[in-house]
Amino acid sequence: MMQRTITVSNQHIYYRVSGTGDPVVLVHGFGEDGSVWENQVTALQGAYQVIVPDLPGSGASGLTNDVSMEGMAGVLKAILDDMGIQQCVMIGHSMGGYVTLAFAEKYPGVLQAFGLFHSTAYADNEEKIAARRRGIQFIREQGPQKFLEQSIKNLFSEDFKNQHPEIVKEYIARFTNFSAESLVSYYEAMIKRPDRTEVLRKFSGPVLFIIGVHDNAVSPEQGMEQSHLPRLAYVHILKHSGHMGMIEEAVESTAFLQQFLKNCKMP
């Protein structure tokens, strides 16, 4: 694995590059960093060039002055430009899916295919906005660590938490080093993001949807509903996962990604 950095808005943006072949970008979600994809990178790096950034304000990347979904899409474009990559496949988990959709809208010719992994093209409804605002208040009053200790635990299915408490504990410990400013900025950006179902309708390439049956953040009903919008969709259901399928059902998730990448193999 190569570790690289670029500078955006006077901040260092960190990303990892593993393997050789057609480029695949894996974009992590809220309250995570790129290490969340470690199982998938191990499996994919033998056949693909896997690029895994830490989004601005996450992991080893500094917080830029624009962490809107469009702003973070611009950071991903800067990484691809830094590597001289003109076309790739992009897979986004949760908030990373929102960034991927913004990227598809802003740079339509760059993506040959993309995937939404426990993510949605729909804008937040009033209930979701209210929940995010409560989260912002909690972060400001109780601090980011206490907030993430609670929120990360709730992303896993009940069965997984009961069967693998040590894994959940390890991930909570790994991802509680965020600043309050970063988390609040992400929440505010997610509240403001527009509906991007039109991106799904207009995109000419294949789109992957990975849906967790026990996902409390993006309901399986919503995931299935949006999967009818693209011209060509690949839909996979993780029957035992909540919102963290790349960990909860790592083997299955990786197999879905491998099959999708094989189906949309670059000419």
C-alpha atoms as a PDB file:
ATOM      1  CA  MET A   1       0.000   0.000   0.000  1.00  0.00           C
ATOM      2  CA  MET A   2       1.197   3.480  -0.904  1.00  0.00           C
ATOM      3  CA  GLN A   3       0.254   6.395   1.323  1.00  0.00           C
ATOM      4  CA  ARG A   4      -0.091   9.710  -0.452  1.00  0.00           C
ATOM      5  CA  THR A   5      -1.228  13.249   0.285  1.00  0.00           C
ATOM      6  CA  ILE A   6      -2.374  16.257  -1.706  1.00  0.00           C
ATOM      7  CA  THR A   7      -3.084  19.781  -0.512  1.00  0.00           C
ATOM      8  CA  VAL A   8      -6.576  21.243  -0.857  1.00  0.00           C
ATOM      9  CA  SER A   9      -7.483  24.622   0.688  1.00  0.00           C
ATOM     10  CA  ASN A  10      -4.200  24.549   2.623  1.00  0.00           C
ATOM     11  CA  GLN A  11      -5.107  21.214   4.198  1.00  0.00           C
ATOM     12  CA  HIS A  12      -3.404  17.866   3.703  1.00  0.00           C
ATOM     13  CA  ILE A  13      -5.729  15.239   2.218  1.00  0.00           C
ATOM     14  CA  TYR A  14      -4.575  11.673   2.799  1.00  0.00           C
ATOM     15  CA  TYR A  15      -5.308   8.683   0.601  1.00  0.00           C
ATOM     16  CA  ARG A  16      -4.118   5.103   0.179  1.00  0.00           C
ATOM     17  CA  VAL A  17      -3.380   3.304  -3.096  1.00  0.00           C
ATOM     18  CA  SER A  18      -3.209  -0.497  -3.265  1.00  0.00           C
ATOM     19  CA  GLY A  19      -2.764  -2.842  -6.213  1.00  0.00           C
ATOM     20  CA  THR A  20      -2.749  -2.271  -9.963  1.00  0.00           C
ATOM     21  CA  GLY A  21      -5.413  -2.434 -12.643  1.00  0.00           C
ATOM     22  CA  ASP A  22      -8.597  -0.525 -13.342  1.00  0.00           C
ATOM     23  CA  PRO A  23      -9.076   2.193 -10.685  1.00  0.00           C
ATOM     24  CA  VAL A  24     -11.730   1.771  -8.003  1.00  0.00           C
ATOM     25  CA  VAL A  25     -12.375   4.495  -5.417  1.00  0.00           C
ATOM     26  CA  LEU A  26     -13.898   3.482  -2.073  1.00  0.00           C
ATOM     27  CA  VAL A  27     -15.436   6.413  -0.176  1.00  0.00           C
ATOM     28  CA  HIS A  28     -16.126   6.040   3.538  1.00  0.00           C
ATOM     29  CA  GLY A  29     -19.065   7.460   5.466  1.00  0.00           C
ATOM     30  CA  PHE A  30     -19.806   9.734   8.411  1.00  0.00           C
ATOM     31  CA  GLY A  31     -17.791   9.095  11.568  1.00  0.00           C
ATOM     32  CA  GLU A  32     -15.364   6.757   9.775  1.00  0.00           C
ATOM     33  CA  ASP A  33     -12.153   6.917   7.791  1.00  0.00           C
ATOM     34  CA  GLY A  34     -10.839   4.914   4.869  1.00  0.00           C
ATOM     35  CA  SER A  35      -9.702   2.031   7.088  1.00  0.00           C
ATOM     36  CA  VAL A  36     -13.340   0.897   7.269  1.00  0.00           C
ATOM     37  CA  TRP A  37     -12.746  -0.685   3.838  1.00  0.00           C
ATOM     38  CA  GLU A  38      -9.753  -2.814   4.876  1.00  0.00           C
ATOM     39  CA  ASN A  39     -11.485  -6.160   4.204  1.00  0.00           C
ATOM     40  CA  GLN A  40     -12.494  -5.067   0.713  1.00  0.00           C
ATOM     41  CA  VAL A  41      -9.080  -3.588  -0.129  1.00  0.00           C
ATOM     42  CA  THR A  42      -7.382  -6.861   0.787  1.00  0.00           C
ATOM     43  CA  ALA A  43      -9.657  -8.748  -1.599  1.00  0.00           C
ATOM     44  CA  LEU A  44      -9.677  -6.247  -4.479  1.00  0.00           C
ATOM     45  CA  GLN A  45      -6.061  -5.131  -4.659  1.00  0.00           C
ATOM     46  CA  GLY A  46      -4.989  -8.224  -6.579  1.00  0.00           C
ATOM     47  CA  ALA A  47      -7.074  -7.205  -9.595  1.00  0.00           C
ATOM     48  CA  TYR A  48      -7.662  -3.446  -9.258  1.00  0.00           C
ATOM     49  CA  GLN A  49      -5.962  -0.226  -8.301  1.00  0.00           C
ATOM     50  CA  VAL A  50      -7.897   0.577  -5.132  1.00  0.00           C
ATOM     51  CA  ILE A  51      -7.898   4.218  -4.021  1.00  0.00           C
ATOM     52  CA  VAL A  52      -9.175   4.920  -0.513  1.00  0.00           C
ATOM     53  CA  PRO A  53      -9.225   8.536   0.693  1.00  0.00           C
ATOM     54  CA  ASP A  54      -9.839   9.950   4.116  1.00  0.00           C
ATOM     55  CA  LEU A  55     -12.468  12.620   3.443  1.00  0.00           C
ATOM     56  CA  PRO A  56     -11.651  16.146   4.681  1.00  0.00           C
ATOM     57  CA  GLY A  57     -11.855  16.239   8.483  1.00  0.00           C
ATOM     58  CA  SER A  58     -11.695  12.437   8.800  1.00  0.00           C
ATOM     59  CA  GLY A  59      -8.756  10.208   9.677  1.00  0.00           C
ATOM     60  CA  ALA A  60      -5.464  11.788   8.610  1.00  0.00           C
ATOM     61  CA  SER A  61      -7.072  14.481   6.396  1.00  0.00           C
ATOM     62  CA  GLY A  62      -7.444  18.072   7.519  1.00  0.00           C
ATOM     63  CA  LEU A  63     -10.821  19.817   7.555  1.00  0.00           C
ATOM     64  CA  THR A  64     -11.157  21.954   4.433  1.00  0.00           C
ATOM     65  CA  ASN A  65     -13.299  25.072   4.206  1.00  0.00           C
ATOM     66  CA  ASP A  66     -15.928  23.279   2.087  1.00  0.00           C
ATOM     67  CA  VAL A  67     -17.237  19.924   3.285  1.00  0.00           C
ATOM     68  CA  SER A  68     -20.465  20.114   1.330  1.00  0.00           C
ATOM     69  CA  MET A  69     -21.088  16.989  -0.697  1.00  0.00           C
ATOM     70  CA  GLU A  70     -20.035  18.960  -3.787  1.00  0.00           C
ATOM     71  CA  GLY A  71     -16.917  20.247  -2.031  1.00  0.00           C
ATOM     72  CA  MET A  72     -15.842  16.766  -1.001  1.00  0.00           C
ATOM     73  CA  ALA A  73     -16.559  15.518  -4.523  1.00  0.00           C
ATOM     74  CA  GLY A  74     -14.105  18.166  -5.687  1.00  0.00           C
ATOM     75  CA  VAL A  75     -11.491  16.741  -3.308  1.00  0.00           C
ATOM     76  CA  LEU A  76     -11.977  13.282  -4.834  1.00  0.00           C
ATOM     77  CA  LYS A  77     -11.543  14.799  -8.295  1.00  0.00           C
ATOM     78  CA  ALA A  78      -8.306  16.432  -7.113  1.00  0.00           C
ATOM     79  CA  ILE A  79      -7.048  13.023  -5.966  1.00  0.00           C
ATOM     80  CA  LEU A  80      -7.872  11.459  -9.350  1.00  0.00           C
ATOM     81  CA  ASP A  81      -6.190  14.372 -11.124  1.00  0.00           C
ATOM     82  CA  ASP A  82      -3.133  13.915  -8.890  1.00  0.00           C
ATOM     83  CA  MET A  83      -2.955  10.296 -10.054  1.00  0.00           C
ATOM     84  CA  GLY A  84      -3.687  11.080 -13.700  1.00  0.00           C
ATOM     85  CA  ILE A  85      -6.885   9.006 -13.675  1.00  0.00           C
ATOM     86  CA  GLN A  86      -9.537   9.997 -16.208  1.00  0.00           C
ATOM     87  CA  GLN A  87     -12.157   7.332 -15.495  1.00  0.00           C
ATOM     88  CA  CYS A  88     -12.942   5.072 -12.556  1.00  0.00           C
ATOM     89  CA  VAL A  89     -15.592   3.191 -10.613  1.00  0.00           C
ATOM     90  CA  MET A  90     -16.613   4.776  -7.302  1.00  0.00           C
ATOM     91  CA  ILE A  91     -18.333   3.085  -4.372  1.00  0.00           C
ATOM     92  CA  GLY A  92     -19.663   5.226  -1.511  1.00  0.00           C
ATOM     93  CA  HIS A  93     -20.783   4.090   1.934  1.00  0.00           C
ATOM     94  CA  SER A  94     -23.502   6.166   3.660  1.00  0.00           C
ATOM     95  CA  MET A  95     -22.307   9.804   3.508  1.00  0.00           C
ATOM     96  CA  GLY A  96     -19.690   8.591   1.031  1.00  0.00           C
ATOM     97  CA  GLY A  97     -22.613   7.655  -1.207  1.00  0.00           C
ATOM     98  CA  TYR A  98     -23.908  11.227  -0.991  1.00  0.00           C
ATOM     99  CA  VAL A  99     -20.446  12.426  -2.053  1.00  0.00           C
ATOM    100  CA  THR A 100     -20.399   9.861  -4.873  1.00  0.00           C
ATOM    101  CA  LEU A 101     -23.755  11.118  -6.179  1.00  0.00           C
ATOM    102  CA  ALA A 102     -22.486  14.704  -6.063  1.00  0.00           C
ATOM    103  CA  PHE A 103     -19.399  13.537  -7.975  1.00  0.00           C
ATOM    104  CA  ALA A 104     -21.547  11.786 -10.591  1.00  0.00           C
ATOM    105  CA  GLU A 105     -23.541  14.995 -11.057  1.00  0.00           C
ATOM    106  CA  LYS A 106     -20.505  17.284 -11.159  1.00  0.00           C
ATOM    107  CA  TYR A 107     -18.136  15.089 -13.226  1.00  0.00           C
ATOM    108  CA  PRO A 108     -20.447  12.758 -15.199  1.00  0.00           C
ATOM    109  CA  GLY A 109     -17.817  11.654 -17.686  1.00  0.00           C
ATOM    110  CA  VAL A 110     -15.391  10.423 -15.038  1.00  0.00           C
ATOM    111  CA  LEU A 111     -17.484   7.615 -13.585  1.00  0.00           C
ATOM    112  CA  GLN A 112     -17.891   4.485 -15.640  1.00  0.00           C
ATOM    113  CA  ALA A 113     -20.044   3.040 -12.853  1.00  0.00           C
ATOM    114  CA  PHE A 114     -20.780   3.753  -9.214  1.00  0.00           C
ATOM    115  CA  GLY A 115     -22.301   2.156  -6.154  1.00  0.00           C
ATOM    116  CA  LEU A 116     -24.378   3.201  -3.168  1.00  0.00           C
ATOM    117  CA  PHE A 117     -23.475   1.069  -0.174  1.00  0.00           C
ATOM    118  CA  HIS A 118     -26.115   1.638   2.533  1.00  0.00           C
ATOM    119  CA  SER A 119     -26.792   5.054   1.000  1.00  0.00           C
ATOM    120  CA  THR A 120     -29.539   7.008  -0.743  1.00  0.00           C
ATOM    121  CA  ALA A 121     -30.123   9.601  -3.442  1.00  0.00           C
ATOM    122  CA  TYR A 122     -33.104  11.039  -1.563  1.00  0.00           C
ATOM    123  CA  ALA A 123     -32.771  14.259   0.403  1.00  0.00           C
ATOM    124  CA  ASP A 124     -33.369  14.200   4.151  1.00  0.00           C
ATOM    125  CA  ASN A 125     -37.013  14.279   5.184  1.00  0.00           C
ATOM    126  CA  GLU A 126     -38.182  16.382   8.136  1.00  0.00           C
ATOM    127  CA  GLU A 127     -37.746  13.500  10.575  1.00  0.00           C
ATOM    128  CA  LYS A 128     -34.165  12.901   9.456  1.00  0.00           C
ATOM    129  CA  ILE A 129     -33.349  16.608   9.597  1.00  0.00           C
ATOM    130  CA  ALA A 130     -34.709  16.799  13.139  1.00  0.00           C
ATOM    131  CA  ALA A 131     -32.603  13.788  14.150  1.00  0.00           C
ATOM    132  CA  ARG A 132     -29.457  15.358  12.690  1.00  0.00           C
ATOM    133  CA  ARG A 133     -30.163  18.632  14.506  1.00  0.00           C
ATOM    134  CA  ARG A 134     -30.495  16.705  17.774  1.00  0.00           C
ATOM    135  CA  GLY A 135     -27.171  15.079  16.931  1.00  0.00           C
ATOM    136  CA  ILE A 136     -25.548  18.476  16.408  1.00  0.00           C
ATOM    137  CA  GLN A 137     -26.856  19.648  19.767  1.00  0.00           C
ATOM    138  CA  PHE A 138     -25.570  16.497  21.477  1.00  0.00           C
ATOM    139  CA  ILE A 139     -22.115  16.895  19.887  1.00  0.00           C
ATOM    140  CA  ARG A 140     -21.885  20.501  21.058  1.00  0.00           C
ATOM    141  CA  GLU A 141     -23.082  19.700  24.573  1.00  0.00           C
ATOM    142  CA  GLN A 142     -21.537  16.279  25.253  1.00  0.00           C
ATOM    143  CA  GLY A 143     -18.610  16.209  22.832  1.00  0.00           C
ATOM    144  CA  PRO A 144     -17.799  14.135  19.733  1.00  0.00           C
ATOM    145  CA  GLN A 145     -16.416  11.085  21.540  1.00  0.00           C
ATOM    146  CA  LYS A 146     -19.537  10.432  23.592  1.00  0.00           C
ATOM    147  CA  PHE A 147     -21.697  11.037  20.522  1.00  0.00           C
ATOM    148  CA  LEU A 148     -19.757   8.549  18.383  1.00  0.00           C
ATOM    149  CA  GLU A 149     -19.701   5.921  21.133  1.00  0.00           C
ATOM    150  CA  GLN A 150     -23.491   5.893  20.940  1.00  0.00           C
ATOM    151  CA  SER A 151     -24.035   6.404  17.226  1.00  0.00           C
ATOM    152  CA  ILE A 152     -21.482   3.860  15.937  1.00  0.00           C
ATOM    153  CA  LYS A 153     -22.955   1.126  18.133  1.00  0.00           C
ATOM    154  CA  ASN A 154     -26.405   1.763  16.651  1.00  0.00           C
ATOM    155  CA  LEU A 155     -25.146   1.210  13.104  1.00  0.00           C
ATOM    156  CA  PHE A 156     -24.702  -2.536  13.643  1.00  0.00           C
ATOM    157  CA  SER A 157     -27.531  -5.063  13.701  1.00  0.00           C
ATOM    158  CA  GLU A 158     -28.609  -6.406  17.081  1.00  0.00           C
ATOM    159  CA  ASP A 159     -27.428  -9.909  16.202  1.00  0.00           C
ATOM    160  CA  PHE A 160     -23.980  -8.674  15.189  1.00  0.00           C
ATOM    161  CA  LYS A 161     -23.623  -6.626  18.384  1.00  0.00           C
ATOM    162  CA  ASN A 162     -24.550  -9.680  20.457  1.00  0.00           C
ATOM    163  CA  GLN A 163     -22.314 -12.100  18.563  1.00  0.00           C
ATOM    164  CA  HIS A 164     -19.291  -9.817  18.010  1.00  0.00           C
ATOM    165  CA  PRO A 165     -19.150  -7.228  20.816  1.00  0.00           C
ATOM    166  CA  GLU A 166     -15.354  -7.110  20.541  1.00  0.00           C
ATOM    167  CA  ILE A 167     -15.513  -5.977  16.890  1.00  0.00           C
ATOM    168  CA  VAL A 168     -18.056  -3.254  17.681  1.00  0.00           C
ATOM    169  CA  LYS A 169     -15.897  -2.107  20.596  1.00  0.00           C
ATOM    170  CA  GLU A 170     -12.810  -1.984  18.367  1.00  0.00           C
ATOM    171  CA  TYR A 171     -14.545   0.160  15.755  1.00  0.00           C
ATOM    172  CA  ILE A 172     -15.890   2.525  18.386  1.00  0.00           C
ATOM    173  CA  ALA A 173     -12.343   2.949  19.726  1.00  0.00           C
ATOM    174  CA  ARG A 174     -10.973   3.438  16.209  1.00  0.00           C
ATOM    175  CA  PHE A 175     -13.374   6.186  15.133  1.00  0.00           C
ATOM    176  CA  THR A 176     -13.833   8.394  18.204  1.00  0.00           C
ATOM    177  CA  ASN A 177     -11.020  10.823  17.357  1.00  0.00           C
ATOM    178  CA  PHE A 178     -13.133  13.284  15.355  1.00  0.00           C
ATOM    179  CA  SER A 179     -13.391  16.958  16.162  1.00  0.00           C
ATOM    180  CA  ALA A 180     -16.777  18.435  16.981  1.00  0.00           C
ATOM    181  CA  GLU A 181     -16.274  20.873  14.107  1.00  0.00           C
ATOM    182  CA  SER A 182     -15.893  18.052  11.568  1.00  0.00           C
ATOM    183  CA  LEU A 183     -18.976  16.132  12.713  1.00  0.00           C
ATOM    184  CA  VAL A 184     -21.170  19.223  12.904  1.00  0.00           C
ATOM    185  CA  SER A 185     -19.974  20.339   9.464  1.00  0.00           C
ATOM    186  CA  TYR A 186     -20.879  16.937   7.988  1.00  0.00           C
ATOM    187  CA  TYR A 187     -24.323  16.970   9.554  1.00  0.00           C
ATOM    188  CA  GLU A 188     -25.053  20.484   8.322  1.00  0.00           C
ATOM    189  CA  ALA A 189     -23.879  19.522   4.824  1.00  0.00           C
ATOM    190  CA  MET A 190     -26.053  16.403   4.801  1.00  0.00           C
ATOM    191  CA  ILE A 191     -29.092  18.425   5.881  1.00  0.00           C
ATOM    192  CA  LYS A 192     -28.508  20.847   2.996  1.00  0.00           C
ATOM    193  CA  ARG A 193     -27.837  18.274   0.289  1.00  0.00           C
ATOM    194  CA  PRO A 194     -30.454  18.121  -2.477  1.00  0.00           C
ATOM    195  CA  ASP A 195     -32.416  15.176  -3.792  1.00  0.00           C
ATOM    196  CA  ARG A 196     -30.240  13.462  -6.406  1.00  0.00           C
ATOM    197  CA  THR A 197     -32.620  10.851  -7.763  1.00  0.00           C
ATOM    198  CA  GLU A 198     -32.288  12.558 -11.144  1.00  0.00           C
ATOM    199  CA  VAL A 199     -28.606  11.551 -11.141  1.00  0.00           C
ATOM    200  CA  LEU A 200     -29.717   7.923 -10.910  1.00  0.00           C
ATOM    201  CA  ARG A 201     -32.196   8.395 -13.754  1.00  0.00           C
ATOM    202  CA  LYS A 202     -29.721  10.096 -16.085  1.00  0.00           C
ATOM    203  CA  PHE A 203     -26.606   8.024 -15.420  1.00  0.00           C
ATOM    204  CA  SER A 204     -25.843   5.846 -18.437  1.00  0.00           C
ATOM    205  CA  GLY A 205     -23.628   3.298 -16.696  1.00  0.00           C
ATOM    206  CA  PRO A 206     -24.386   0.577 -14.147  1.00  0.00           C
ATOM    207  CA  VAL A 207     -25.260   1.452 -10.549  1.00  0.00           C
ATOM    208  CA  LEU A 208     -24.788  -0.875  -7.588  1.00  0.00           C
ATOM    209  CA  PHE A 209     -27.069  -0.870  -4.543  1.00  0.00           C
ATOM    210  CA  ILE A 210     -26.082  -2.800  -1.418  1.00  0.00           C
ATOM    211  CA  ILE A 211     -28.901  -2.822   1.123  1.00  0.00           C
ATOM    212  CA  GLY A 212     -28.950  -4.001   4.736  1.00  0.00           C
ATOM    213  CA  VAL A 213     -32.162  -5.647   5.970  1.00  0.00           C
ATOM    214  CA  HIS A 214     -31.575  -4.279   9.485  1.00  0.00           C
ATOM    215  CA  ASP A 215     -30.311  -0.835   8.427  1.00  0.00           C
ATOM    216  CA  ASN A 216     -31.770   1.866  10.681  1.00  0.00           C
ATOM    217  CA  ALA A 217     -30.062   4.714   8.809  1.00  0.00           C
ATOM    218  CA  VAL A 218     -31.177   3.921   5.233  1.00  0.00           C
ATOM    219  CA  SER A 219     -34.228   1.680   5.287  1.00  0.00           C
ATOM    220  CA  PRO A 220     -34.310  -1.358   2.984  1.00  0.00           C
ATOM    221  CA  GLU A 221     -37.609  -0.056   1.584  1.00  0.00           C
ATOM    222  CA  GLN A 222     -35.939   3.197   0.536  1.00  0.00           C
ATOM    223  CA  GLY A 223     -32.985   1.311  -0.891  1.00  0.00           C
ATOM    224  CA  MET A 224     -35.223  -0.885  -3.017  1.00  0.00           C
ATOM    225  CA  GLU A 225     -37.371   2.026  -4.175  1.00  0.00           C
ATOM    226  CA  GLN A 226     -34.436   4.001  -5.596  1.00  0.00           C
ATOM    227  CA  SER A 227     -32.935   0.911  -7.231  1.00  0.00           C
ATOM    228  CA  HIS A 228     -35.632   1.106  -9.934  1.00  0.00           C
ATOM    229  CA  LEU A 229     -34.410   4.503 -11.140  1.00  0.00           C
ATOM    230  CA  PRO A 230     -31.182   3.756 -13.075  1.00  0.00           C
ATOM    231  CA  ARG A 231     -31.171   2.247 -16.542  1.00  0.00           C
ATOM    232  CA  LEU A 232     -29.022  -0.602 -15.277  1.00  0.00           C
ATOM    233  CA  ALA A 233     -29.006  -1.500 -11.589  1.00  0.00           C
ATOM    234  CA  TYR A 234     -27.410  -4.303  -9.624  1.00  0.00           C
ATOM    235  CA  VAL A 235     -29.141  -4.867  -6.286  1.00  0.00           C
ATOM    236  CA  HIS A 236     -27.834  -6.981  -3.430  1.00  0.00           C
ATOM    237  CA  ILE A 237     -29.428  -7.576  -0.043  1.00  0.00           C
ATOM    238  CA  LEU A 238     -27.376  -8.247   3.082  1.00  0.00           C
ATOM    239  CA  LYS A 239     -29.785 -10.264   5.202  1.00  0.00           C
ATOM    240  CA  HIS A 240     -27.864 -10.016   8.477  1.00  0.00           C
ATOM    241  CA  SER A 241     -26.490  -6.461   8.281  1.00  0.00           C
ATOM    242  CA  GLY A 242     -27.437  -3.112   9.650  1.00  0.00           C
ATOM    243  CA  HIS A 243     -25.558  -0.109   8.230  1.00  0.00           C
ATOM    244  CA  MET A 244     -22.052  -1.615   8.296  1.00  0.00           C
ATOM    245  CA  GLY A 245     -22.235  -4.484   5.836  1.00  0.00           C
ATOM    246  CA  MET A 246     -18.566  -4.226   4.846  1.00  0.00           C
ATOM    247  CA  ILE A 247     -17.845  -5.394   8.407  1.00  0.00           C
ATOM    248  CA  GLU A 248     -20.982  -7.317   9.393  1.00  0.00           C
ATOM    249  CA  GLU A 249     -20.995  -9.453   6.232  1.00  0.00           C
ATOM    250  CA  ALA A 250     -17.537  -8.760   4.885  1.00  0.00           C
ATOM    251  CA  VAL A 251     -17.276 -11.846   2.665  1.00  0.00           C
ATOM    252  CA  GLU A 252     -20.685 -11.294   1.065  1.00  0.00           C
ATOM    253  CA  SER A 253     -20.116  -7.563   0.599  1.00  0.00           C
ATOM    254  CA  THR A 254     -16.764  -8.131  -1.048  1.00  0.00           C
ATOM    255  CA  ALA A 255     -18.220 -10.775  -3.364  1.00  0.00           C
ATOM    256  CA  PHE A 256     -20.945  -8.297  -4.425  1.00  0.00           C
ATOM    257  CA  LEU A 257     -18.302  -5.655  -5.183  1.00  0.00           C
ATOM    258  CA  GLN A 258     -16.140  -8.108  -7.114  1.00  0.00           C
ATOM    259  CA  GLN A 259     -19.074  -9.261  -9.246  1.00  0.00           C
ATOM    260  CA  PHE A 260     -20.149  -5.662  -9.937  1.00  0.00           C
ATOM    261  CA  LEU A 261     -16.636  -4.649 -10.961  1.00  0.00           C
ATOM    262  CA  LYS A 262     -16.402  -7.696 -13.209  1.00  0.00           C
ATOM    263  CA  ASN A 263     -19.765  -6.802 -14.813  1.00  0.00           C
ATOM    264  CA  CYS A 264     -18.656  -3.248 -15.594  1.00  0.00           C
ATOM    265  CA  LYS A 265     -15.107  -4.139 -16.626  1.00  0.00           C
ATOM    266  CA  MET A 266     -13.494  -1.277 -18.492  1.00  0.00           C
ATOM    267  CA  PRO A 267     -12.832  -1.957 -22.183  1.00  0.00           C
END
